Amino acid sequence: MGADVVLFSGGKDIQGPQSSGLMVGKKDIISLCRLQGYPHHAIGRPMKLDKETIMGFVRAIELYLQDDHLHY
C-alpha cells in the first residue's frame, strides 16, 4: 500500500507479550533502525527483549496467522 515501514504492537492486535513488536519494511530503513540496538547500545538498548518474550511473540504470530481474520 506504499508504506516504507510498518510497526505492529505485539500486545494489541497480535495478542502477544506487551513488550514486543514487529517492524517490517524496506531493507535500508530496517538496517538503519538496527543500528540503534545491540551491540551499539544506543536508544535500542533499553528496548532489549528477553528470549521468553521473543518466543511468546513468535507463537502469537503463528496463532494470528492461523486465525481467519476475514470473518469478524
N, C-alpha and C. Protein backbone atom coordinates (compact mmCIF):
# COMPACT_ATOMS: atom_id res chain seq x y z
N MET A 1 0.82 -1.20 0.00
CA MET A 1 0.00 0.00 0.00
C MET A 1 0.86 1.26 0.00
N GLY A 2 2.17 1.11 -0.19
CA GLY A 2 3.03 2.26 -0.32
C GLY A 2 3.82 2.66 0.91
N ALA A 3 3.64 1.97 2.02
CA ALA A 3 4.37 2.32 3.24
C ALA A 3 5.82 1.83 3.15
N ASP A 4 6.74 2.63 3.66
CA ASP A 4 8.15 2.23 3.69
C ASP A 4 8.44 1.29 4.86
N VAL A 5 7.78 1.54 6.00
CA VAL A 5 7.95 0.72 7.20
C VAL A 5 6.61 0.65 7.92
N VAL A 6 6.31 -0.52 8.48
CA VAL A 6 5.09 -0.70 9.26
C VAL A 6 5.50 -1.33 10.59
N LEU A 7 4.96 -0.81 11.69
CA LEU A 7 5.23 -1.32 13.02
C LEU A 7 3.96 -1.94 13.59
N PHE A 8 4.11 -3.09 14.21
CA PHE A 8 2.99 -3.78 14.83
C PHE A 8 3.29 -3.94 16.31
N SER A 9 2.34 -3.58 17.14
CA SER A 9 2.46 -3.81 18.58
C SER A 9 2.17 -5.28 18.86
N GLY A 10 3.06 -5.93 19.60
CA GLY A 10 2.84 -7.33 19.91
C GLY A 10 1.68 -7.55 20.86
N GLY A 11 1.42 -6.60 21.74
CA GLY A 11 0.41 -6.79 22.77
C GLY A 11 -0.99 -6.36 22.39
N LYS A 12 -1.16 -5.76 21.24
CA LYS A 12 -2.51 -5.31 20.87
C LYS A 12 -3.15 -6.31 19.91
N ASP A 13 -3.18 -6.03 18.64
CA ASP A 13 -3.87 -6.87 17.67
C ASP A 13 -3.34 -8.29 17.61
N ILE A 14 -2.04 -8.46 17.75
CA ILE A 14 -1.45 -9.79 17.64
C ILE A 14 -1.64 -10.59 18.93
N GLN A 15 -1.96 -9.93 20.02
CA GLN A 15 -2.26 -10.53 21.32
C GLN A 15 -1.07 -11.33 21.88
N GLY A 16 0.13 -10.80 21.69
CA GLY A 16 1.33 -11.40 22.25
C GLY A 16 1.78 -10.62 23.48
N PRO A 17 3.04 -10.79 23.87
CA PRO A 17 3.56 -10.06 25.03
C PRO A 17 3.50 -8.54 24.83
N GLN A 18 3.17 -7.82 25.89
CA GLN A 18 3.01 -6.36 25.82
C GLN A 18 4.30 -5.65 25.42
N SER A 19 5.44 -6.21 25.76
CA SER A 19 6.70 -5.54 25.49
C SER A 19 7.32 -5.93 24.15
N SER A 20 6.52 -6.50 23.26
CA SER A 20 7.05 -6.95 21.97
C SER A 20 6.45 -6.15 20.83
N GLY A 21 7.06 -6.30 19.68
CA GLY A 21 6.56 -5.63 18.48
C GLY A 21 7.29 -6.15 17.26
N LEU A 22 6.83 -5.73 16.11
CA LEU A 22 7.38 -6.21 14.85
C LEU A 22 7.51 -5.02 13.91
N MET A 23 8.66 -4.92 13.24
CA MET A 23 8.89 -3.88 12.25
C MET A 23 9.17 -4.57 10.92
N VAL A 24 8.40 -4.24 9.91
CA VAL A 24 8.63 -4.78 8.57
C VAL A 24 8.69 -3.62 7.59
N GLY A 25 9.52 -3.78 6.58
CA GLY A 25 9.63 -2.71 5.60
C GLY A 25 10.85 -2.84 4.74
N LYS A 26 11.22 -1.71 4.16
CA LYS A 26 12.35 -1.67 3.25
C LYS A 26 13.65 -1.96 3.98
N LYS A 27 14.48 -2.76 3.34
CA LYS A 27 15.72 -3.24 3.96
C LYS A 27 16.62 -2.11 4.42
N ASP A 28 16.74 -1.03 3.65
CA ASP A 28 17.64 0.06 4.03
C ASP A 28 17.16 0.77 5.29
N ILE A 29 15.87 0.91 5.45
CA ILE A 29 15.33 1.56 6.65
C ILE A 29 15.48 0.64 7.87
N ILE A 30 15.20 -0.65 7.69
CA ILE A 30 15.36 -1.60 8.78
C ILE A 30 16.83 -1.63 9.22
N SER A 31 17.75 -1.59 8.28
CA SER A 31 19.18 -1.59 8.61
C SER A 31 19.56 -0.38 9.45
N LEU A 32 19.01 0.78 9.14
CA LEU A 32 19.27 1.98 9.94
C LEU A 32 18.71 1.83 11.35
N CYS A 33 17.55 1.24 11.47
CA CYS A 33 16.95 1.05 12.79
C CYS A 33 17.76 0.06 13.62
N ARG A 34 18.33 -0.95 12.98
CA ARG A 34 19.13 -1.94 13.71
C ARG A 34 20.37 -1.32 14.34
N LEU A 35 20.83 -0.19 13.80
CA LEU A 35 21.99 0.48 14.37
C LEU A 35 21.71 1.00 15.78
N GLN A 36 20.44 1.08 16.16
CA GLN A 36 20.08 1.55 17.49
C GLN A 36 20.11 0.43 18.53
N GLY A 37 20.30 -0.81 18.09
CA GLY A 37 20.29 -1.95 19.00
C GLY A 37 21.66 -2.53 19.25
N TYR A 38 21.69 -3.70 19.83
CA TYR A 38 22.93 -4.39 20.18
C TYR A 38 23.79 -4.58 18.94
N PRO A 39 25.07 -4.41 18.97
CA PRO A 39 25.93 -4.11 20.12
C PRO A 39 26.21 -2.62 20.29
N HIS A 40 25.44 -1.77 19.67
CA HIS A 40 25.71 -0.34 19.67
C HIS A 40 25.23 0.37 20.93
N HIS A 41 24.32 -0.23 21.66
CA HIS A 41 23.84 0.29 22.95
C HIS A 41 23.37 1.74 22.87
N ALA A 42 22.71 2.08 21.82
CA ALA A 42 22.13 3.42 21.70
C ALA A 42 20.72 3.38 22.28
N ILE A 43 19.80 4.05 21.66
CA ILE A 43 18.43 4.12 22.17
C ILE A 43 17.78 2.73 22.25
N GLY A 44 18.18 1.80 21.42
CA GLY A 44 17.59 0.47 21.42
C GLY A 44 17.94 -0.39 22.61
N ARG A 45 18.99 -0.06 23.35
CA ARG A 45 19.42 -0.89 24.48
C ARG A 45 18.33 -1.06 25.54
N PRO A 46 17.64 0.01 25.94
CA PRO A 46 16.59 -0.18 26.94
C PRO A 46 15.41 -0.99 26.41
N MET A 47 15.31 -1.14 25.09
CA MET A 47 14.19 -1.86 24.50
C MET A 47 14.54 -3.32 24.20
N LYS A 48 15.61 -3.82 24.78
CA LYS A 48 16.05 -5.20 24.56
C LYS A 48 14.99 -6.16 25.09
N LEU A 49 14.73 -7.20 24.33
CA LEU A 49 13.75 -8.21 24.73
C LEU A 49 14.45 -9.46 25.24
N ASP A 50 13.83 -10.12 26.20
CA ASP A 50 14.39 -11.40 26.65
C ASP A 50 13.87 -12.52 25.75
N LYS A 51 14.51 -13.67 25.84
CA LYS A 51 14.16 -14.77 24.93
C LYS A 51 12.75 -15.30 25.17
N GLU A 52 12.24 -15.19 26.39
CA GLU A 52 10.86 -15.64 26.66
C GLU A 52 9.86 -14.77 25.91
N THR A 53 10.11 -13.46 25.89
CA THR A 53 9.24 -12.54 25.18
C THR A 53 9.29 -12.80 23.68
N ILE A 54 10.49 -13.04 23.17
CA ILE A 54 10.63 -13.31 21.73
C ILE A 54 9.87 -14.58 21.35
N MET A 55 10.03 -15.64 22.14
CA MET A 55 9.34 -16.89 21.82
C MET A 55 7.82 -16.75 21.97
N GLY A 56 7.39 -15.99 22.97
CA GLY A 56 5.96 -15.73 23.12
C GLY A 56 5.39 -14.97 21.94
N PHE A 57 6.17 -14.03 21.44
CA PHE A 57 5.72 -13.24 20.28
C PHE A 57 5.71 -14.08 19.01
N VAL A 58 6.70 -14.94 18.85
CA VAL A 58 6.73 -15.83 17.69
C VAL A 58 5.48 -16.72 17.70
N ARG A 59 5.14 -17.26 18.87
CA ARG A 59 3.94 -18.11 18.97
C ARG A 59 2.67 -17.30 18.70
N ALA A 60 2.63 -16.08 19.20
CA ALA A 60 1.46 -15.23 18.97
C ALA A 60 1.28 -14.95 17.47
N ILE A 61 2.39 -14.75 16.76
CA ILE A 61 2.31 -14.53 15.31
C ILE A 61 1.80 -15.78 14.61
N GLU A 62 2.31 -16.95 15.03
CA GLU A 62 1.84 -18.20 14.44
C GLU A 62 0.33 -18.35 14.61
N LEU A 63 -0.17 -18.10 15.81
CA LEU A 63 -1.61 -18.21 16.08
C LEU A 63 -2.39 -17.15 15.31
N TYR A 64 -1.85 -15.94 15.24
CA TYR A 64 -2.51 -14.86 14.50
C TYR A 64 -2.66 -15.23 13.02
N LEU A 65 -1.62 -15.81 12.43
CA LEU A 65 -1.66 -16.17 11.02
C LEU A 65 -2.60 -17.34 10.75
N GLN A 66 -2.86 -18.18 11.75
CA GLN A 66 -3.80 -19.30 11.60
C GLN A 66 -5.25 -18.85 11.67
N ASP A 67 -5.50 -17.71 12.31
CA ASP A 67 -6.86 -17.23 12.52
C ASP A 67 -7.44 -16.69 11.22
N ASP A 68 -8.74 -16.82 11.07
CA ASP A 68 -9.44 -16.31 9.90
C ASP A 68 -9.93 -14.89 10.18
N HIS A 69 -9.19 -13.90 9.75
CA HIS A 69 -9.49 -12.50 10.05
C HIS A 69 -10.55 -11.90 9.12
N LEU A 70 -10.99 -12.66 8.13
CA LEU A 70 -11.97 -12.13 7.18
C LEU A 70 -13.40 -12.26 7.69
N HIS A 71 -13.63 -13.07 8.71
CA HIS A 71 -14.99 -13.33 9.16
C HIS A 71 -15.29 -12.74 10.53
N TYR A 72 -14.72 -11.60 10.83
CA TYR A 72 -15.02 -10.93 12.11
C TYR A 72 -16.08 -9.90 11.94
